[in-house]
Amino acid sequence: MPIDVSIGKGKKVTVNSISQKNDQLEIIFTAKGIPLYTFGFEGGISIYDKSMDKKDKEAYDIIRMNVLSNNRYKAIIPIKRGINKNDKFIEYDRDINKAFICIGNYDEMYKEIGKIDLKK
């Protein structure tokens, strides 16, 4: 850390830190040249579960941002994750070694900006 990724001319996302607190992941990042609304809706920032198919809606969790200051944001993501599969609700622990932070969601172009690895 930090991980810098260009997502277009004059646009950059920096993942500053990833930490585990209790049963949640806390991600702090900085955005440069990206409008605030990018983070507020589907298609903003999401977590992609690499163990699932990229075309599967269930593989993505949209991250809701808390604005800190100076284009800095914080996201809190639960380790426990639940999905609907074959009309059954399945809950499991998110495997941080198979999770990626992405720009966009399942039906848009996405860019992996960093593998979540708490060991780094």
C-alpha atoms as a PDB file:
ATOM      1  CA  MET A   1       0.000   0.000   0.000  1.00  0.00           C
ATOM      2  CA  PRO A   2      -0.679   2.510  -1.313  1.00  0.00           C
ATOM      3  CA  ILE A   3      -1.863   1.268  -4.716  1.00  0.00           C
ATOM      4  CA  ASP A   4      -2.276   3.926  -7.440  1.00  0.00           C
ATOM      5  CA  VAL A   5      -4.287   3.221 -10.550  1.00  0.00           C
ATOM      6  CA  SER A   6      -5.056   5.533 -13.448  1.00  0.00           C
ATOM      7  CA  ILE A   7      -8.643   5.193 -14.643  1.00  0.00           C
ATOM      8  CA  GLY A   8      -8.505   7.750 -17.414  1.00  0.00           C
ATOM      9  CA  LYS A   9      -6.810  10.998 -18.295  1.00  0.00           C
ATOM     10  CA  GLY A  10      -6.364  12.998 -15.115  1.00  0.00           C
ATOM     11  CA  LYS A  11      -8.286  10.415 -13.053  1.00  0.00           C
ATOM     12  CA  LYS A  12      -6.717   8.245 -10.413  1.00  0.00           C
ATOM     13  CA  VAL A  13      -7.764   6.121  -7.463  1.00  0.00           C
ATOM     14  CA  THR A  14      -5.323   5.415  -4.652  1.00  0.00           C
ATOM     15  CA  VAL A  15      -6.064   2.656  -2.166  1.00  0.00           C
ATOM     16  CA  ASN A  16      -4.306   3.975   0.941  1.00  0.00           C
ATOM     17  CA  SER A  17      -5.029   1.237   3.445  1.00  0.00           C
ATOM     18  CA  ILE A  18      -7.018  -1.919   4.017  1.00  0.00           C
ATOM     19  CA  SER A  19      -7.485  -3.176   7.553  1.00  0.00           C
ATOM     20  CA  GLN A  20      -9.648  -5.684   9.338  1.00  0.00           C
ATOM     21  CA  LYS A  21     -11.559  -4.495  12.393  1.00  0.00           C
ATOM     22  CA  ASN A  22     -13.819  -6.976  14.136  1.00  0.00           C
ATOM     23  CA  ASP A  23     -15.813  -8.668  11.356  1.00  0.00           C
ATOM     24  CA  GLN A  24     -15.353  -5.891   8.796  1.00  0.00           C
ATOM     25  CA  LEU A  25     -12.848  -4.634   6.266  1.00  0.00           C
ATOM     26  CA  GLU A  26     -12.098  -0.914   6.304  1.00  0.00           C
ATOM     27  CA  ILE A  27     -10.755   0.550   3.062  1.00  0.00           C
ATOM     28  CA  ILE A  28      -9.428   4.111   2.868  1.00  0.00           C
ATOM     29  CA  PHE A  29      -8.782   5.578  -0.556  1.00  0.00           C
ATOM     30  CA  THR A  30      -8.304   8.870  -2.372  1.00  0.00           C
ATOM     31  CA  ALA A  31      -9.859   9.854  -5.696  1.00  0.00           C
ATOM     32  CA  LYS A  32      -8.439  12.423  -8.079  1.00  0.00           C
ATOM     33  CA  GLY A  33     -10.439  13.790 -11.007  1.00  0.00           C
ATOM     34  CA  ILE A  34     -13.509  11.646 -10.323  1.00  0.00           C
ATOM     35  CA  PRO A  35     -16.847  13.266  -9.446  1.00  0.00           C
ATOM     36  CA  LEU A  36     -18.280  12.435  -6.042  1.00  0.00           C
ATOM     37  CA  TYR A  37     -21.440  10.881  -7.541  1.00  0.00           C
ATOM     38  CA  THR A  38     -19.284   8.132  -9.078  1.00  0.00           C
ATOM     39  CA  PHE A  39     -19.124   6.538  -5.639  1.00  0.00           C
ATOM     40  CA  GLY A  40     -22.779   6.903  -4.725  1.00  0.00           C
ATOM     41  CA  PHE A  41     -24.542   4.607  -7.173  1.00  0.00           C
ATOM     42  CA  GLU A  42     -24.209   1.274  -8.940  1.00  0.00           C
ATOM     43  CA  GLY A  43     -21.285   1.383 -11.291  1.00  0.00           C
ATOM     44  CA  GLY A  44     -19.119   3.235  -8.794  1.00  0.00           C
ATOM     45  CA  ILE A  45     -16.750   1.215  -6.665  1.00  0.00           C
ATOM     46  CA  SER A  46     -17.443  -2.447  -5.997  1.00  0.00           C
ATOM     47  CA  ILE A  47     -15.844  -5.571  -4.601  1.00  0.00           C
ATOM     48  CA  TYR A  48     -15.634  -8.460  -7.056  1.00  0.00           C
ATOM     49  CA  ASP A  49     -15.412 -12.032  -5.753  1.00  0.00           C
ATOM     50  CA  LYS A  50     -12.933 -13.698  -8.105  1.00  0.00           C
ATOM     51  CA  SER A  51     -14.197 -17.167  -7.193  1.00  0.00           C
ATOM     52  CA  MET A  52     -17.410 -16.325  -9.105  1.00  0.00           C
ATOM     53  CA  ASP A  53     -18.169 -15.626 -12.778  1.00  0.00           C
ATOM     54  CA  LYS A  54     -17.622 -11.987 -13.817  1.00  0.00           C
ATOM     55  CA  LYS A  55     -21.036 -11.996 -15.515  1.00  0.00           C
ATOM     56  CA  ASP A  56     -22.840 -13.048 -12.336  1.00  0.00           C
ATOM     57  CA  LYS A  57     -24.529 -10.177 -10.457  1.00  0.00           C
ATOM     58  CA  GLU A  58     -23.906 -12.017  -7.196  1.00  0.00           C
ATOM     59  CA  ALA A  59     -20.135 -11.728  -7.717  1.00  0.00           C
ATOM     60  CA  TYR A  60     -20.222  -7.983  -6.995  1.00  0.00           C
ATOM     61  CA  ASP A  61     -20.992  -5.950  -3.905  1.00  0.00           C
ATOM     62  CA  ILE A  62     -21.427  -2.217  -4.372  1.00  0.00           C
ATOM     63  CA  ILE A  63     -19.422  -0.249  -1.822  1.00  0.00           C
ATOM     64  CA  ARG A  64     -21.058   2.737  -0.168  1.00  0.00           C
ATOM     65  CA  MET A  65     -18.593   5.484   0.635  1.00  0.00           C
ATOM     66  CA  ASN A  66     -18.259   7.744   3.648  1.00  0.00           C
ATOM     67  CA  VAL A  67     -16.662  11.058   2.696  1.00  0.00           C
ATOM     68  CA  LEU A  68     -13.715  11.940   4.940  1.00  0.00           C
ATOM     69  CA  SER A  69     -12.122  15.102   3.459  1.00  0.00           C
ATOM     70  CA  ASN A  70      -9.834  16.241   0.628  1.00  0.00           C
ATOM     71  CA  ASN A  71     -11.193  13.623  -1.820  1.00  0.00           C
ATOM     72  CA  ARG A  72     -10.637  10.863   0.754  1.00  0.00           C
ATOM     73  CA  TYR A  73     -13.219   8.156   1.321  1.00  0.00           C
ATOM     74  CA  LYS A  74     -13.788   5.250   3.683  1.00  0.00           C
ATOM     75  CA  ALA A  75     -15.693   2.059   2.964  1.00  0.00           C
ATOM     76  CA  ILE A  76     -16.724  -0.519   5.552  1.00  0.00           C
ATOM     77  CA  ILE A  77     -17.395  -4.000   4.159  1.00  0.00           C
ATOM     78  CA  PRO A  78     -18.596  -6.947   6.255  1.00  0.00           C
ATOM     79  CA  ILE A  79     -16.509 -10.113   6.138  1.00  0.00           C
ATOM     80  CA  LYS A  80     -19.729 -12.158   6.159  1.00  0.00           C
ATOM     81  CA  ARG A  81     -21.415 -12.223   2.774  1.00  0.00           C
ATOM     82  CA  GLY A  82     -24.778 -13.600   1.733  1.00  0.00           C
ATOM     83  CA  ILE A  83     -26.040 -14.521  -1.728  1.00  0.00           C
ATOM     84  CA  ASN A  84     -29.131 -16.129  -3.207  1.00  0.00           C
ATOM     85  CA  LYS A  85     -28.302 -19.317  -5.057  1.00  0.00           C
ATOM     86  CA  ASN A  86     -30.914 -21.699  -6.434  1.00  0.00           C
ATOM     87  CA  ASP A  87     -33.616 -20.001  -4.352  1.00  0.00           C
ATOM     88  CA  LYS A  88     -31.594 -20.479  -1.155  1.00  0.00           C
ATOM     89  CA  PHE A  89     -29.807 -17.844   0.907  1.00  0.00           C
ATOM     90  CA  ILE A  90     -26.189 -18.856   1.506  1.00  0.00           C
ATOM     91  CA  GLU A  91     -23.951 -17.002   3.966  1.00  0.00           C
ATOM     92  CA  TYR A  92     -20.175 -17.355   3.980  1.00  0.00           C
ATOM     93  CA  ASP A  93     -17.033 -15.451   4.919  1.00  0.00           C
ATOM     94  CA  ARG A  94     -15.551 -13.290   2.188  1.00  0.00           C
ATOM     95  CA  ASP A  95     -12.162 -14.648   1.072  1.00  0.00           C
ATOM     96  CA  ILE A  96      -9.996 -11.549   0.996  1.00  0.00           C
ATOM     97  CA  ASN A  97      -7.452 -13.322  -1.184  1.00  0.00           C
ATOM     98  CA  LYS A  98     -10.091 -13.715  -3.928  1.00  0.00           C
ATOM     99  CA  ALA A  99     -11.545 -10.212  -3.728  1.00  0.00           C
ATOM    100  CA  PHE A 100     -10.733  -7.263  -5.950  1.00  0.00           C
ATOM    101  CA  ILE A 101     -11.688  -3.622  -5.724  1.00  0.00           C
ATOM    102  CA  CYS A 102     -13.244  -2.634  -9.059  1.00  0.00           C
ATOM    103  CA  ILE A 103     -14.426   0.457 -10.862  1.00  0.00           C
ATOM    104  CA  GLY A 104     -17.841  -0.318 -12.328  1.00  0.00           C
ATOM    105  CA  ASN A 105     -20.123  -3.279 -11.813  1.00  0.00           C
ATOM    106  CA  TYR A 106     -21.089  -6.494 -13.576  1.00  0.00           C
ATOM    107  CA  ASP A 107     -22.741  -4.877 -16.602  1.00  0.00           C
ATOM    108  CA  GLU A 108     -20.127  -2.208 -17.212  1.00  0.00           C
ATOM    109  CA  MET A 109     -16.476  -2.183 -18.029  1.00  0.00           C
ATOM    110  CA  TYR A 110     -14.570  -2.674 -14.804  1.00  0.00           C
ATOM    111  CA  LYS A 111     -10.977  -2.334 -13.802  1.00  0.00           C
ATOM    112  CA  GLU A 112      -9.367  -4.259 -10.991  1.00  0.00           C
ATOM    113  CA  ILE A 113      -7.445  -1.734  -8.957  1.00  0.00           C
ATOM    114  CA  GLY A 114      -5.938  -3.914  -6.310  1.00  0.00           C
ATOM    115  CA  LYS A 115      -6.119  -7.323  -4.770  1.00  0.00           C
ATOM    116  CA  ILE A 116      -7.306  -7.109  -1.198  1.00  0.00           C
ATOM    117  CA  ASP A 117      -4.548  -8.714   0.817  1.00  0.00           C
ATOM    118  CA  LEU A 118      -4.358  -7.765   4.498  1.00  0.00           C
ATOM    119  CA  LYS A 119      -0.877  -9.275   4.769  1.00  0.00           C
ATOM    120  CA  LYS A 120       0.643  -6.385   2.800  1.00  0.00           C
END
